[in-house]
Amino acid sequence: MRLFDVFLKIIKAFHLVDSEEFAQLKLDVKSWEEDAREGSEDKVKHFYGKMHKGVFTRLLMPIFYFFMLRQVTSIMNPEPQEQGERGLY
């Protein structure tokens, strides 16, 4: 799993775009990632390629996915606060 895969999974899980737009976004990401290699002239693509070169990032991506999923879920569905919390009396 790569970094952009995490974002694509979150977009798909929460239906943030329609299916046609998601398919196009997925194709755009795939074509961008093909050029993203260490040594690329574009600094962002160079960093992205370098970041995914080793095994460390690939091991952390599933954990990062669950962290991001929890964060997005808490934003989309906030839990009701009890009276008295956060100074609300």
N, C-alpha and C. Protein backbone atom coordinates (compact mmCIF):
# COMPACT_ATOMS: atom_id res chain seq x y z
N MET A 1 0.85 -1.17 0.00
CA MET A 1 0.00 0.00 0.00
C MET A 1 0.90 1.24 0.00
N ARG A 2 0.54 2.18 -0.83
CA ARG A 2 1.30 3.42 -0.95
C ARG A 2 0.48 4.56 -0.33
N LEU A 3 1.12 5.69 -0.16
CA LEU A 3 0.48 6.83 0.50
C LEU A 3 -0.81 7.24 -0.20
N PHE A 4 -0.78 7.35 -1.51
CA PHE A 4 -1.99 7.78 -2.22
C PHE A 4 -3.08 6.72 -2.15
N ASP A 5 -2.71 5.45 -1.97
CA ASP A 5 -3.71 4.40 -1.81
C ASP A 5 -4.53 4.63 -0.54
N VAL A 6 -3.89 5.13 0.49
CA VAL A 6 -4.60 5.43 1.75
C VAL A 6 -5.69 6.46 1.48
N PHE A 7 -5.33 7.53 0.78
CA PHE A 7 -6.30 8.58 0.50
C PHE A 7 -7.41 8.09 -0.43
N LEU A 8 -7.06 7.26 -1.41
CA LEU A 8 -8.07 6.72 -2.31
C LEU A 8 -9.05 5.83 -1.55
N LYS A 9 -8.55 5.02 -0.62
CA LYS A 9 -9.43 4.16 0.16
C LYS A 9 -10.39 4.97 1.02
N ILE A 10 -9.90 6.06 1.60
CA ILE A 10 -10.76 6.91 2.42
C ILE A 10 -11.81 7.60 1.56
N ILE A 11 -11.41 8.09 0.41
CA ILE A 11 -12.36 8.72 -0.51
C ILE A 11 -13.44 7.74 -0.92
N LYS A 12 -13.05 6.51 -1.20
CA LYS A 12 -14.02 5.50 -1.61
C LYS A 12 -14.92 5.08 -0.44
N ALA A 13 -14.34 4.91 0.74
CA ALA A 13 -15.11 4.45 1.90
C ALA A 13 -16.20 5.45 2.29
N PHE A 14 -15.93 6.73 2.16
CA PHE A 14 -16.89 7.74 2.56
C PHE A 14 -17.66 8.35 1.37
N HIS A 15 -17.46 7.78 0.19
CA HIS A 15 -18.17 8.23 -1.02
C HIS A 15 -18.06 9.75 -1.19
N LEU A 16 -16.81 10.24 -1.12
CA LEU A 16 -16.59 11.68 -1.22
C LEU A 16 -16.69 12.21 -2.64
N VAL A 17 -16.61 11.33 -3.61
CA VAL A 17 -16.81 11.70 -5.02
C VAL A 17 -17.66 10.61 -5.67
N ASP A 18 -18.28 10.94 -6.80
CA ASP A 18 -19.09 9.93 -7.48
C ASP A 18 -18.18 8.90 -8.16
N SER A 19 -18.75 7.82 -8.64
CA SER A 19 -17.97 6.69 -9.14
C SER A 19 -17.15 7.03 -10.38
N GLU A 20 -17.70 7.85 -11.27
CA GLU A 20 -16.95 8.23 -12.47
C GLU A 20 -15.74 9.09 -12.10
N GLU A 21 -15.95 10.03 -11.21
CA GLU A 21 -14.87 10.90 -10.78
C GLU A 21 -13.80 10.11 -10.02
N PHE A 22 -14.24 9.13 -9.23
CA PHE A 22 -13.29 8.30 -8.50
C PHE A 22 -12.44 7.47 -9.46
N ALA A 23 -13.07 6.92 -10.49
CA ALA A 23 -12.33 6.12 -11.47
C ALA A 23 -11.28 6.98 -12.17
N GLN A 24 -11.65 8.22 -12.53
CA GLN A 24 -10.69 9.11 -13.17
C GLN A 24 -9.57 9.50 -12.21
N LEU A 25 -9.91 9.75 -10.96
CA LEU A 25 -8.91 10.09 -9.95
C LEU A 25 -7.92 8.95 -9.75
N LYS A 26 -8.45 7.74 -9.74
CA LYS A 26 -7.59 6.56 -9.57
C LYS A 26 -6.62 6.42 -10.75
N LEU A 27 -7.11 6.66 -11.95
CA LEU A 27 -6.23 6.61 -13.13
C LEU A 27 -5.17 7.71 -13.09
N ASP A 28 -5.58 8.91 -12.67
CA ASP A 28 -4.63 10.01 -12.56
C ASP A 28 -3.54 9.72 -11.54
N VAL A 29 -3.94 9.14 -10.41
CA VAL A 29 -2.96 8.80 -9.38
C VAL A 29 -2.00 7.73 -9.89
N LYS A 30 -2.54 6.74 -10.58
CA LYS A 30 -1.69 5.67 -11.10
C LYS A 30 -0.67 6.21 -12.10
N SER A 31 -1.10 7.08 -13.00
CA SER A 31 -0.16 7.63 -13.97
C SER A 31 0.86 8.55 -13.30
N TRP A 32 0.44 9.29 -12.27
CA TRP A 32 1.38 10.15 -11.55
C TRP A 32 2.42 9.31 -10.81
N GLU A 33 1.97 8.23 -10.18
CA GLU A 33 2.88 7.37 -9.41
C GLU A 33 3.89 6.65 -10.31
N GLU A 34 3.52 6.37 -11.54
CA GLU A 34 4.46 5.71 -12.46
C GLU A 34 5.69 6.58 -12.71
N ASP A 35 5.51 7.89 -12.72
CA ASP A 35 6.62 8.81 -12.92
C ASP A 35 7.33 9.18 -11.62
N ALA A 36 6.74 8.86 -10.49
CA ALA A 36 7.29 9.26 -9.19
C ALA A 36 8.37 8.27 -8.77
N ARG A 37 9.59 8.59 -9.14
CA ARG A 37 10.74 7.74 -8.80
C ARG A 37 11.84 8.59 -8.21
N GLU A 38 12.67 7.93 -7.44
CA GLU A 38 13.85 8.61 -6.92
C GLU A 38 14.71 9.01 -8.11
N GLY A 39 15.16 10.24 -8.12
CA GLY A 39 15.95 10.73 -9.23
C GLY A 39 15.13 11.52 -10.24
N SER A 40 13.82 11.61 -10.01
CA SER A 40 12.96 12.39 -10.90
C SER A 40 13.31 13.87 -10.78
N GLU A 41 13.14 14.61 -11.86
CA GLU A 41 13.42 16.05 -11.83
C GLU A 41 12.45 16.81 -10.95
N ASP A 42 11.21 16.37 -10.90
CA ASP A 42 10.21 16.97 -10.02
C ASP A 42 10.53 16.57 -8.58
N LYS A 43 10.72 17.55 -7.71
CA LYS A 43 11.14 17.28 -6.33
C LYS A 43 10.09 16.49 -5.54
N VAL A 44 8.82 16.76 -5.81
CA VAL A 44 7.77 16.03 -5.10
C VAL A 44 7.77 14.57 -5.53
N LYS A 45 7.89 14.32 -6.81
CA LYS A 45 7.94 12.94 -7.31
C LYS A 45 9.20 12.24 -6.81
N HIS A 46 10.31 12.96 -6.75
CA HIS A 46 11.56 12.40 -6.23
C HIS A 46 11.37 11.97 -4.78
N PHE A 47 10.78 12.84 -3.96
CA PHE A 47 10.57 12.53 -2.54
C PHE A 47 9.60 11.36 -2.39
N TYR A 48 8.53 11.35 -3.17
CA TYR A 48 7.54 10.26 -3.09
C TYR A 48 8.19 8.93 -3.46
N GLY A 49 8.99 8.93 -4.52
CA GLY A 49 9.69 7.70 -4.91
C GLY A 49 10.69 7.25 -3.86
N LYS A 50 11.41 8.20 -3.30
CA LYS A 50 12.39 7.87 -2.27
C LYS A 50 11.70 7.35 -1.01
N MET A 51 10.57 7.94 -0.66
CA MET A 51 9.83 7.54 0.53
C MET A 51 9.33 6.09 0.41
N HIS A 52 8.93 5.68 -0.79
CA HIS A 52 8.37 4.34 -0.99
C HIS A 52 9.41 3.32 -1.43
N LYS A 53 10.66 3.72 -1.47
CA LYS A 53 11.71 2.81 -1.93
C LYS A 53 11.94 1.66 -0.94
N GLY A 54 11.99 1.96 0.32
CA GLY A 54 12.26 0.95 1.33
C GLY A 54 11.01 0.26 1.83
N VAL A 55 11.21 -0.69 2.69
CA VAL A 55 10.11 -1.47 3.22
C VAL A 55 9.42 -0.77 4.39
N PHE A 56 10.10 0.15 5.05
CA PHE A 56 9.57 0.80 6.24
C PHE A 56 8.25 1.50 5.96
N THR A 57 8.20 2.30 4.93
CA THR A 57 6.97 3.04 4.60
C THR A 57 5.85 2.08 4.23
N ARG A 58 6.17 1.06 3.49
CA ARG A 58 5.12 0.10 3.09
C ARG A 58 4.57 -0.64 4.29
N LEU A 59 5.38 -0.85 5.32
CA LEU A 59 4.88 -1.49 6.53
C LEU A 59 3.98 -0.54 7.34
N LEU A 60 4.28 0.73 7.31
CA LEU A 60 3.51 1.69 8.09
C LEU A 60 2.20 2.13 7.43
N MET A 61 2.07 1.99 6.14
CA MET A 61 0.89 2.48 5.44
C MET A 61 -0.42 1.88 5.95
N PRO A 62 -0.52 0.58 6.21
CA PRO A 62 -1.79 0.06 6.76
C PRO A 62 -2.13 0.66 8.12
N ILE A 63 -1.14 0.88 8.95
CA ILE A 63 -1.38 1.49 10.26
C ILE A 63 -1.82 2.94 10.07
N PHE A 64 -1.16 3.65 9.15
CA PHE A 64 -1.54 5.02 8.84
C PHE A 64 -2.97 5.07 8.31
N TYR A 65 -3.35 4.08 7.51
CA TYR A 65 -4.71 4.02 6.97
C TYR A 65 -5.73 3.95 8.10
N PHE A 66 -5.52 3.07 9.08
CA PHE A 66 -6.47 2.95 10.18
C PHE A 66 -6.51 4.22 11.02
N PHE A 67 -5.37 4.86 11.21
CA PHE A 67 -5.34 6.13 11.94
C PHE A 67 -6.15 7.18 11.20
N MET A 68 -5.92 7.31 9.90
CA MET A 68 -6.64 8.32 9.11
C MET A 68 -8.13 8.00 9.04
N LEU A 69 -8.47 6.73 8.92
CA LEU A 69 -9.87 6.32 8.88
C LEU A 69 -10.57 6.73 10.18
N ARG A 70 -9.91 6.52 11.31
CA ARG A 70 -10.49 6.90 12.59
C ARG A 70 -10.66 8.42 12.68
N GLN A 71 -9.67 9.16 12.20
CA GLN A 71 -9.76 10.63 12.25
C GLN A 71 -10.91 11.14 11.38
N VAL A 72 -11.03 10.62 10.19
CA VAL A 72 -12.10 11.06 9.29
C VAL A 72 -13.45 10.66 9.85
N THR A 73 -13.55 9.46 10.41
CA THR A 73 -14.81 9.01 11.00
C THR A 73 -15.22 9.92 12.15
N SER A 74 -14.27 10.32 12.98
CA SER A 74 -14.61 11.19 14.11
C SER A 74 -15.03 12.58 13.64
N ILE A 75 -14.51 13.03 12.53
CA ILE A 75 -14.91 14.32 11.98
C ILE A 75 -16.31 14.22 11.38
N MET A 76 -16.56 13.15 10.65
CA MET A 76 -17.85 12.99 9.97
C MET A 76 -18.98 12.65 10.96
N ASN A 77 -18.66 11.93 12.02
CA ASN A 77 -19.66 11.50 13.01
C ASN A 77 -19.17 11.83 14.41
N PRO A 78 -19.24 13.09 14.80
CA PRO A 78 -18.73 13.44 16.14
C PRO A 78 -19.59 12.82 17.24
N GLU A 79 -18.93 12.41 18.30
CA GLU A 79 -19.66 11.84 19.43
C GLU A 79 -20.24 12.99 20.25
N PRO A 80 -21.45 12.82 20.74
CA PRO A 80 -22.03 13.89 21.57
C PRO A 80 -21.23 14.03 22.87
N GLN A 81 -20.96 15.27 23.25
CA GLN A 81 -20.19 15.53 24.46
C GLN A 81 -21.12 15.57 25.67
N GLU A 82 -20.60 15.06 26.78
CA GLU A 82 -21.38 15.12 28.01
C GLU A 82 -21.37 16.55 28.52
N GLN A 83 -22.41 16.91 29.26
CA GLN A 83 -22.47 18.24 29.85
C GLN A 83 -21.28 18.41 30.79
N GLY A 84 -20.67 19.56 30.78
CA GLY A 84 -19.54 19.82 31.66
C GLY A 84 -18.20 19.64 30.98
N GLU A 85 -18.12 18.89 29.91
CA GLU A 85 -16.87 18.72 29.20
C GLU A 85 -16.58 19.95 28.37
N ARG A 86 -15.33 20.26 28.24
CA ARG A 86 -14.86 21.39 27.44
C ARG A 86 -15.45 22.72 27.88
N GLY A 87 -15.74 22.81 29.15
CA GLY A 87 -16.22 24.09 29.69
C GLY A 87 -17.66 24.42 29.35
N LEU A 88 -18.43 23.44 28.91
CA LEU A 88 -19.84 23.69 28.58
C LEU A 88 -20.70 23.30 29.78
N TYR A 89 -21.08 24.25 30.59
CA TYR A 89 -21.87 23.96 31.79
C TYR A 89 -23.29 24.41 31.62
